[in-house]
Amino acid sequence: MAKKVVATLKTATGKSYAKVIRMVRSPKTNAYTFQETVVPSDQVQEFLKQK
């Protein structure tokens, strides 16, 4: 389960980025943690498909 943050980050060069937050389960404790990553907007779907 993951969600894309509504606000996107932009630079002066015009390349747009998005902050993506993914929920990851720890194999050791079975607790959920959140992994935050800034990726280019065109690679968001590829990042969310990864395990």
PDB file of N, CA and C in Angstrom:
ATOM      1  N   MET A   1       0.853  -1.163   0.000  1.00  0.00           N
ATOM      2  CA  MET A   1       0.000   0.000   0.000  1.00  0.00           C
ATOM      3  C   MET A   1       0.898   1.225   0.000  1.00  0.00           C
ATOM      4  N   ALA A   2       0.664   2.134  -0.913  1.00  0.00           N
ATOM      5  CA  ALA A   2       1.488   3.330  -0.999  1.00  0.00           C
ATOM      6  C   ALA A   2       0.619   4.477  -1.488  1.00  0.00           C
ATOM      7  N   LYS A   3       1.098   5.669  -1.229  1.00  0.00           N
ATOM      8  CA  LYS A   3       0.351   6.809  -1.734  1.00  0.00           C
ATOM      9  C   LYS A   3       1.320   7.861  -2.244  1.00  0.00           C
ATOM     10  N   LYS A   4       0.866   8.630  -3.174  1.00  0.00           N
ATOM     11  CA  LYS A   4       1.669   9.704  -3.733  1.00  0.00           C
ATOM     12  C   LYS A   4       1.257  10.993  -3.039  1.00  0.00           C
ATOM     13  N   VAL A   5       2.227  11.743  -2.590  1.00  0.00           N
ATOM     14  CA  VAL A   5       1.943  13.008  -1.933  1.00  0.00           C
ATOM     15  C   VAL A   5       1.437  13.988  -2.989  1.00  0.00           C
ATOM     16  N   VAL A   6       0.461  14.790  -2.640  1.00  0.00           N
ATOM     17  CA  VAL A   6      -0.172  15.699  -3.585  1.00  0.00           C
ATOM     18  C   VAL A   6       0.807  16.745  -4.097  1.00  0.00           C
ATOM     19  N   ALA A   7       1.641  17.295  -3.225  1.00  0.00           N
ATOM     20  CA  ALA A   7       2.574  18.336  -3.633  1.00  0.00           C
ATOM     21  C   ALA A   7       3.727  17.719  -4.407  1.00  0.00           C
ATOM     22  N   THR A   8       4.061  18.318  -5.546  1.00  0.00           N
ATOM     23  CA  THR A   8       5.215  17.875  -6.307  1.00  0.00           C
ATOM     24  C   THR A   8       6.320  18.903  -6.155  1.00  0.00           C
ATOM     25  N   LEU A   9       7.532  18.429  -6.235  1.00  0.00           N
ATOM     26  CA  LEU A   9       8.689  19.291  -6.077  1.00  0.00           C
ATOM     27  C   LEU A   9       9.221  19.648  -7.464  1.00  0.00           C
ATOM     28  N   LYS A  10       9.464  20.929  -7.729  1.00  0.00           N
ATOM     29  CA  LYS A  10       9.937  21.348  -9.041  1.00  0.00           C
ATOM     30  C   LYS A  10      11.245  22.096  -8.914  1.00  0.00           C
ATOM     31  N   THR A  11      12.078  21.959  -9.936  1.00  0.00           N
ATOM     32  CA  THR A  11      13.336  22.678  -9.982  1.00  0.00           C
ATOM     33  C   THR A  11      13.262  23.725 -11.078  1.00  0.00           C
ATOM     34  N   ALA A  12      14.258  24.575 -11.143  1.00  0.00           N
ATOM     35  CA  ALA A  12      14.272  25.640 -12.140  1.00  0.00           C
ATOM     36  C   ALA A  12      14.455  25.104 -13.554  1.00  0.00           C
ATOM     37  N   THR A  13      14.984  23.893 -13.692  1.00  0.00           N
ATOM     38  CA  THR A  13      15.223  23.330 -15.020  1.00  0.00           C
ATOM     39  C   THR A  13      13.961  22.763 -15.650  1.00  0.00           C
ATOM     40  N   GLY A  14      12.872  22.673 -14.914  1.00  0.00           N
ATOM     41  CA  GLY A  14      11.622  22.194 -15.461  1.00  0.00           C
ATOM     42  C   GLY A  14      11.373  20.714 -15.213  1.00  0.00           C
ATOM     43  N   LYS A  15      12.349  19.995 -14.690  1.00  0.00           N
ATOM     44  CA  LYS A  15      12.151  18.571 -14.366  1.00  0.00           C
ATOM     45  C   LYS A  15      11.335  18.492 -13.092  1.00  0.00           C
ATOM     46  N   SER A  16      10.219  17.799 -13.114  1.00  0.00           N
ATOM     47  CA  SER A  16       9.367  17.743 -11.929  1.00  0.00           C
ATOM     48  C   SER A  16       9.612  16.446 -11.167  1.00  0.00           C
ATOM     49  N   TYR A  17       9.539  16.544  -9.860  1.00  0.00           N
ATOM     50  CA  TYR A  17       9.765  15.420  -8.971  1.00  0.00           C
ATOM     51  C   TYR A  17       8.559  15.257  -8.052  1.00  0.00           C
ATOM     52  N   ALA A  18       8.382  14.061  -7.533  1.00  0.00           N
ATOM     53  CA  ALA A  18       7.296  13.787  -6.601  1.00  0.00           C
ATOM     54  C   ALA A  18       7.858  13.031  -5.407  1.00  0.00           C
ATOM     55  N   LYS A  19       7.344  13.345  -4.242  1.00  0.00           N
ATOM     56  CA  LYS A  19       7.737  12.633  -3.032  1.00  0.00           C
ATOM     57  C   LYS A  19       6.759  11.477  -2.858  1.00  0.00           C
ATOM     58  N   VAL A  20       7.287  10.254  -2.820  1.00  0.00           N
ATOM     59  CA  VAL A  20       6.460   9.054  -2.730  1.00  0.00           C
ATOM     60  C   VAL A  20       6.697   8.399  -1.373  1.00  0.00           C
ATOM     61  N   ILE A  21       5.610   8.035  -0.714  1.00  0.00           N
ATOM     62  CA  ILE A  21       5.685   7.379   0.591  1.00  0.00           C
ATOM     63  C   ILE A  21       5.110   5.979   0.436  1.00  0.00           C
ATOM     64  N   ARG A  22       5.911   4.984   0.828  1.00  0.00           N
ATOM     65  CA  ARG A  22       5.485   3.592   0.708  1.00  0.00           C
ATOM     66  C   ARG A  22       5.536   2.938   2.093  1.00  0.00           C
ATOM     67  N   MET A  23       4.542   2.126   2.403  1.00  0.00           N
ATOM     68  CA  MET A  23       4.504   1.402   3.662  1.00  0.00           C
ATOM     69  C   MET A  23       5.206   0.058   3.455  1.00  0.00           C
ATOM     70  N   VAL A  24       6.210  -0.226   4.303  1.00  0.00           N
ATOM     71  CA  VAL A  24       7.002  -1.444   4.166  1.00  0.00           C
ATOM     72  C   VAL A  24       6.943  -2.220   5.473  1.00  0.00           C
ATOM     73  N   ARG A  25       6.724  -3.516   5.384  1.00  0.00           N
ATOM     74  CA  ARG A  25       6.665  -4.354   6.580  1.00  0.00           C
ATOM     75  C   ARG A  25       8.050  -4.931   6.870  1.00  0.00           C
ATOM     76  N   SER A  26       8.473  -4.800   8.108  1.00  0.00           N
ATOM     77  CA  SER A  26       9.766  -5.322   8.547  1.00  0.00           C
ATOM     78  C   SER A  26       9.673  -6.837   8.700  1.00  0.00           C
ATOM     79  N   PRO A  27      10.607  -7.586   8.105  1.00  0.00           N
ATOM     80  CA  PRO A  27      10.549  -9.047   8.236  1.00  0.00           C
ATOM     81  C   PRO A  27      10.890  -9.520   9.652  1.00  0.00           C
ATOM     82  N   LYS A  28      11.626  -8.714  10.384  1.00  0.00           N
ATOM     83  CA  LYS A  28      12.058  -9.106  11.722  1.00  0.00           C
ATOM     84  C   LYS A  28      10.949  -8.935  12.759  1.00  0.00           C
ATOM     85  N   THR A  29      10.265  -7.773  12.746  1.00  0.00           N
ATOM     86  CA  THR A  29       9.276  -7.480  13.785  1.00  0.00           C
ATOM     87  C   THR A  29       7.835  -7.477  13.277  1.00  0.00           C
ATOM     88  N   ASN A  30       7.646  -7.584  11.972  1.00  0.00           N
ATOM     89  CA  ASN A  30       6.328  -7.497  11.335  1.00  0.00           C
ATOM     90  C   ASN A  30       5.644  -6.156  11.564  1.00  0.00           C
ATOM     91  N   ALA A  31       6.404  -5.148  11.947  1.00  0.00           N
ATOM     92  CA  ALA A  31       5.849  -3.808  12.110  1.00  0.00           C
ATOM     93  C   ALA A  31       5.984  -3.057  10.784  1.00  0.00           C
ATOM     94  N   TYR A  32       5.083  -2.122  10.547  1.00  0.00           N
ATOM     95  CA  TYR A  32       5.144  -1.324   9.328  1.00  0.00           C
ATOM     96  C   TYR A  32       6.005  -0.087   9.552  1.00  0.00           C
ATOM     97  N   THR A  33       6.795   0.242   8.534  1.00  0.00           N
ATOM     98  CA  THR A  33       7.563   1.481   8.526  1.00  0.00           C
ATOM     99  C   THR A  33       7.257   2.200   7.227  1.00  0.00           C
ATOM    100  N   PHE A  34       7.558   3.473   7.183  1.00  0.00           N
ATOM    101  CA  PHE A  34       7.285   4.265   5.995  1.00  0.00           C
ATOM    102  C   PHE A  34       8.591   4.639   5.323  1.00  0.00           C
ATOM    103  N   GLN A  35       8.663   4.381   4.021  1.00  0.00           N
ATOM    104  CA  GLN A  35       9.839   4.691   3.233  1.00  0.00           C
ATOM    105  C   GLN A  35       9.497   5.880   2.342  1.00  0.00           C
ATOM    106  N   GLU A  36      10.222   6.985   2.500  1.00  0.00           N
ATOM    107  CA  GLU A  36       9.980   8.190   1.711  1.00  0.00           C
ATOM    108  C   GLU A  36      11.097   8.344   0.690  1.00  0.00           C
ATOM    109  N   THR A  37      10.721   8.619  -0.555  1.00  0.00           N
ATOM    110  CA  THR A  37      11.685   8.771  -1.629  1.00  0.00           C
ATOM    111  C   THR A  37      11.208   9.863  -2.575  1.00  0.00           C
ATOM    112  N   VAL A  38      12.148  10.650  -3.105  1.00  0.00           N
ATOM    113  CA  VAL A  38      11.840  11.646  -4.118  1.00  0.00           C
ATOM    114  C   VAL A  38      12.282  11.075  -5.457  1.00  0.00           C
ATOM    115  N   VAL A  39      11.323  10.917  -6.372  1.00  0.00           N
ATOM    116  CA  VAL A  39      11.606  10.338  -7.685  1.00  0.00           C
ATOM    117  C   VAL A  39      11.065  11.265  -8.769  1.00  0.00           C
ATOM    118  N   PRO A  40      11.597  11.177  -9.989  1.00  0.00           N
ATOM    119  CA  PRO A  40      11.027  11.946 -11.099  1.00  0.00           C
ATOM    120  C   PRO A  40       9.573  11.540 -11.335  1.00  0.00           C
ATOM    121  N   SER A  41       8.755  12.480 -11.727  1.00  0.00           N
ATOM    122  CA  SER A  41       7.320  12.232 -11.878  1.00  0.00           C
ATOM    123  C   SER A  41       7.005  11.111 -12.869  1.00  0.00           C
ATOM    124  N   ASP A  42       7.830  10.948 -13.890  1.00  0.00           N
ATOM    125  CA  ASP A  42       7.545   9.908 -14.871  1.00  0.00           C
ATOM    126  C   ASP A  42       7.911   8.509 -14.373  1.00  0.00           C
ATOM    127  N   GLN A  43       8.599   8.383 -13.240  1.00  0.00           N
ATOM    128  CA  GLN A  43       8.995   7.081 -12.711  1.00  0.00           C
ATOM    129  C   GLN A  43       8.230   6.687 -11.448  1.00  0.00           C
ATOM    130  N   VAL A  44       7.176   7.407 -11.105  1.00  0.00           N
ATOM    131  CA  VAL A  44       6.426   7.130  -9.879  1.00  0.00           C
ATOM    132  C   VAL A  44       5.775   5.757  -9.936  1.00  0.00           C
ATOM    133  N   GLN A  45       5.109   5.433 -11.036  1.00  0.00           N
ATOM    134  CA  GLN A  45       4.414   4.147 -11.142  1.00  0.00           C
ATOM    135  C   GLN A  45       5.385   2.978 -11.090  1.00  0.00           C
ATOM    136  N   GLU A  46       6.572   3.131 -11.695  1.00  0.00           N
ATOM    137  CA  GLU A  46       7.583   2.073 -11.651  1.00  0.00           C
ATOM    138  C   GLU A  46       8.061   1.858 -10.221  1.00  0.00           C
ATOM    139  N   PHE A  47       8.231   2.937  -9.477  1.00  0.00           N
ATOM    140  CA  PHE A  47       8.691   2.834  -8.092  1.00  0.00           C
ATOM    141  C   PHE A  47       7.652   2.137  -7.221  1.00  0.00           C
ATOM    142  N   LEU A  48       6.385   2.435  -7.429  1.00  0.00           N
ATOM    143  CA  LEU A  48       5.334   1.834  -6.616  1.00  0.00           C
ATOM    144  C   LEU A  48       5.135   0.351  -6.930  1.00  0.00           C
ATOM    145  N   LYS A  49       5.495  -0.093  -8.135  1.00  0.00           N
ATOM    146  CA  LYS A  49       5.348  -1.500  -8.492  1.00  0.00           C
ATOM    147  C   LYS A  49       6.434  -2.367  -7.870  1.00  0.00           C
ATOM    148  N   GLN A  50       7.553  -1.756  -7.469  1.00  0.00           N
ATOM    149  CA  GLN A  50       8.651  -2.510  -6.858  1.00  0.00           C
ATOM    150  C   GLN A  50       8.230  -3.054  -5.511  1.00  0.00           C
ATOM    151  N   LYS A  51       8.864  -4.143  -5.112  1.00  0.00           N
ATOM    152  CA  LYS A  51       8.611  -4.706  -3.775  1.00  0.00           C
ATOM    153  C   LYS A  51       9.818  -4.548  -2.923  1.00  0.00           C
TER     154      LYS A  51
END
